[in-house]
Amino acid sequence: MVHYAQNELLSITDFTKRIATIVKGVKDEAIEKIGILKNNRLEAVLISTTEYEKLKYYEEIVEALENKELLSIVEQRSATPLSEYVTSEDMAKKFNIDLTSL
């Protein structure tokens, strides 16, 4: 969970009144982030393009790692001989599940 200082939270009304100053502060990194509130609930967060690009980069890295892990699982499973496969009916019997009720 992200924490906000009191000066990092603005109502949408205050935000729209001071948008030019706020955007400049975020762009110049004088302000890290601004949480925009609507009816006292966080609706959006304004961050610099540099920070946004970093977040997207990290997201891509995490996605690539997840894909690599999934590929590894698929490769391991594809090496399993068909004779070792278990049918869904056998699994249902083992765990006492009625497949017709699903």
C-alpha atoms as a PDB file:
ATOM      1  CA  MET A   1       0.000   0.000   0.000  1.00  0.00           C
ATOM      2  CA  VAL A   2       1.292   3.427  -0.950  1.00  0.00           C
ATOM      3  CA  HIS A   3       1.368   6.078   1.746  1.00  0.00           C
ATOM      4  CA  TYR A   4       0.626   9.726   1.046  1.00  0.00           C
ATOM      5  CA  ALA A   5       1.723  12.780   2.967  1.00  0.00           C
ATOM      6  CA  GLN A   6      -1.004  15.307   3.683  1.00  0.00           C
ATOM      7  CA  ASN A   7       0.362  17.634   0.971  1.00  0.00           C
ATOM      8  CA  GLU A   8       0.233  14.806  -1.598  1.00  0.00           C
ATOM      9  CA  LEU A   9      -3.556  14.472  -1.463  1.00  0.00           C
ATOM     10  CA  LEU A  10      -5.852  16.936  -3.206  1.00  0.00           C
ATOM     11  CA  SER A  11      -9.532  17.025  -3.921  1.00  0.00           C
ATOM     12  CA  ILE A  12     -10.335  16.995  -7.596  1.00  0.00           C
ATOM     13  CA  THR A  13     -11.580  20.571  -7.243  1.00  0.00           C
ATOM     14  CA  ASP A  14      -8.296  21.778  -5.721  1.00  0.00           C
ATOM     15  CA  PHE A  15      -6.362  19.777  -8.296  1.00  0.00           C
ATOM     16  CA  THR A  16      -8.161  21.410 -11.229  1.00  0.00           C
ATOM     17  CA  LYS A  17      -7.642  24.877  -9.722  1.00  0.00           C
ATOM     18  CA  ARG A  18      -3.879  24.318  -9.364  1.00  0.00           C
ATOM     19  CA  ILE A  19      -3.207  21.872 -12.200  1.00  0.00           C
ATOM     20  CA  ALA A  20      -0.448  23.858 -13.947  1.00  0.00           C
ATOM     21  CA  THR A  21       1.553  24.311 -10.734  1.00  0.00           C
ATOM     22  CA  ILE A  22       1.040  20.701  -9.665  1.00  0.00           C
ATOM     23  CA  VAL A  23       2.037  19.237 -13.029  1.00  0.00           C
ATOM     24  CA  LYS A  24       5.168  21.417 -13.071  1.00  0.00           C
ATOM     25  CA  GLY A  25       6.047  20.270  -9.538  1.00  0.00           C
ATOM     26  CA  VAL A  26       5.657  16.607 -10.498  1.00  0.00           C
ATOM     27  CA  LYS A  27       7.567  17.100 -13.755  1.00  0.00           C
ATOM     28  CA  ASP A  28      10.426  18.871 -11.950  1.00  0.00           C
ATOM     29  CA  GLU A  29      10.365  16.133  -9.283  1.00  0.00           C
ATOM     30  CA  ALA A  30       9.684  18.660  -6.528  1.00  0.00           C
ATOM     31  CA  ILE A  31       6.586  16.547  -5.856  1.00  0.00           C
ATOM     32  CA  GLU A  32       6.819  12.742  -6.109  1.00  0.00           C
ATOM     33  CA  LYS A  33       3.129  12.038  -6.584  1.00  0.00           C
ATOM     34  CA  ILE A  34      -0.296  13.571  -6.122  1.00  0.00           C
ATOM     35  CA  GLY A  35      -3.299  11.535  -5.084  1.00  0.00           C
ATOM     36  CA  ILE A  36      -6.520  12.967  -6.468  1.00  0.00           C
ATOM     37  CA  LEU A  37      -9.567  12.504  -4.273  1.00  0.00           C
ATOM     38  CA  LYS A  38     -13.206  12.445  -5.298  1.00  0.00           C
ATOM     39  CA  ASN A  39     -15.714  12.263  -2.455  1.00  0.00           C
ATOM     40  CA  ASN A  40     -12.757  11.615  -0.107  1.00  0.00           C
ATOM     41  CA  ARG A  41     -11.753   8.492  -2.036  1.00  0.00           C
ATOM     42  CA  LEU A  42      -8.543   8.123  -4.017  1.00  0.00           C
ATOM     43  CA  GLU A  43      -9.496   8.199  -7.697  1.00  0.00           C
ATOM     44  CA  ALA A  44      -6.188   8.715  -9.497  1.00  0.00           C
ATOM     45  CA  VAL A  45      -2.505   9.360  -8.956  1.00  0.00           C
ATOM     46  CA  LEU A  46      -0.386  11.807 -10.910  1.00  0.00           C
ATOM     47  CA  ILE A  47       3.273  10.825 -11.349  1.00  0.00           C
ATOM     48  CA  SER A  48       6.040  12.022 -13.649  1.00  0.00           C
ATOM     49  CA  THR A  49       6.557  10.449 -17.043  1.00  0.00           C
ATOM     50  CA  THR A  50       9.978   9.270 -15.838  1.00  0.00           C
ATOM     51  CA  GLU A  51       8.389   7.439 -12.902  1.00  0.00           C
ATOM     52  CA  TYR A  52       5.660   6.017 -15.139  1.00  0.00           C
ATOM     53  CA  GLU A  53       8.242   4.718 -17.630  1.00  0.00           C
ATOM     54  CA  LYS A  54      10.165   3.064 -14.765  1.00  0.00           C
ATOM     55  CA  LEU A  55       6.995   1.366 -13.552  1.00  0.00           C
ATOM     56  CA  LYS A  56       6.182   0.123 -17.061  1.00  0.00           C
ATOM     57  CA  TYR A  57       9.751  -1.183 -17.426  1.00  0.00           C
ATOM     58  CA  TYR A  58       9.495  -3.094 -14.134  1.00  0.00           C
ATOM     59  CA  GLU A  59       6.106  -4.425 -15.178  1.00  0.00           C
ATOM     60  CA  GLU A  60       7.615  -5.755 -18.414  1.00  0.00           C
ATOM     61  CA  ILE A  61      10.437  -7.443 -16.475  1.00  0.00           C
ATOM     62  CA  VAL A  62       7.976  -9.124 -14.108  1.00  0.00           C
ATOM     63  CA  GLU A  63       5.840 -10.234 -17.053  1.00  0.00           C
ATOM     64  CA  ALA A  64       8.895 -11.671 -18.831  1.00  0.00           C
ATOM     65  CA  LEU A  65       9.887 -13.574 -15.674  1.00  0.00           C
ATOM     66  CA  GLU A  66       6.357 -14.940 -15.315  1.00  0.00           C
ATOM     67  CA  ASN A  67       6.366 -16.012 -18.959  1.00  0.00           C
ATOM     68  CA  LYS A  68       9.734 -17.707 -18.485  1.00  0.00           C
ATOM     69  CA  GLU A  69       8.388 -19.576 -15.459  1.00  0.00           C
ATOM     70  CA  LEU A  70       5.255 -20.623 -17.362  1.00  0.00           C
ATOM     71  CA  LEU A  71       7.374 -21.839 -20.273  1.00  0.00           C
ATOM     72  CA  SER A  72       9.448 -23.911 -17.868  1.00  0.00           C
ATOM     73  CA  ILE A  73       6.291 -25.487 -16.419  1.00  0.00           C
ATOM     74  CA  VAL A  74       4.960 -26.265 -19.900  1.00  0.00           C
ATOM     75  CA  GLU A  75       8.286 -27.817 -20.903  1.00  0.00           C
ATOM     76  CA  GLN A  76       8.325 -29.976 -17.761  1.00  0.00           C
ATOM     77  CA  ARG A  77       4.752 -31.106 -18.336  1.00  0.00           C
ATOM     78  CA  SER A  78       5.350 -31.848 -22.001  1.00  0.00           C
ATOM     79  CA  ALA A  79       8.111 -34.230 -20.930  1.00  0.00           C
ATOM     80  CA  THR A  80       5.586 -36.247 -18.898  1.00  0.00           C
ATOM     81  CA  PRO A  81       4.593 -39.440 -20.729  1.00  0.00           C
ATOM     82  CA  LEU A  82       0.905 -39.779 -21.570  1.00  0.00           C
ATOM     83  CA  SER A  83       0.792 -42.949 -19.475  1.00  0.00           C
ATOM     84  CA  GLU A  84       1.283 -40.808 -16.356  1.00  0.00           C
ATOM     85  CA  TYR A  85      -1.625 -38.487 -17.126  1.00  0.00           C
ATOM     86  CA  VAL A  86      -4.655 -38.671 -14.851  1.00  0.00           C
ATOM     87  CA  THR A  87      -8.120 -38.161 -16.317  1.00  0.00           C
ATOM     88  CA  SER A  88     -10.489 -35.601 -14.837  1.00  0.00           C
ATOM     89  CA  GLU A  89     -12.896 -38.449 -14.045  1.00  0.00           C
ATOM     90  CA  ASP A  90     -10.223 -40.249 -12.002  1.00  0.00           C
ATOM     91  CA  MET A  91      -9.377 -37.040 -10.147  1.00  0.00           C
ATOM     92  CA  ALA A  92     -13.057 -36.410  -9.449  1.00  0.00           C
ATOM     93  CA  LYS A  93     -13.414 -39.922  -8.007  1.00  0.00           C
ATOM     94  CA  LYS A  94     -10.283 -39.468  -5.890  1.00  0.00           C
ATOM     95  CA  PHE A  95     -11.630 -36.243  -4.367  1.00  0.00           C
ATOM     96  CA  ASN A  96     -15.277 -37.352  -4.324  1.00  0.00           C
ATOM     97  CA  ILE A  97     -16.455 -34.689  -6.783  1.00  0.00           C
ATOM     98  CA  ASP A  98     -19.607 -35.131  -8.857  1.00  0.00           C
ATOM     99  CA  LEU A  99     -18.669 -33.833 -12.311  1.00  0.00           C
ATOM    100  CA  THR A 100     -22.303 -33.632 -13.423  1.00  0.00           C
ATOM    101  CA  SER A 101     -22.988 -31.024 -10.730  1.00  0.00           C
ATOM    102  CA  LEU A 102     -20.307 -28.697 -12.089  1.00  0.00           C
END
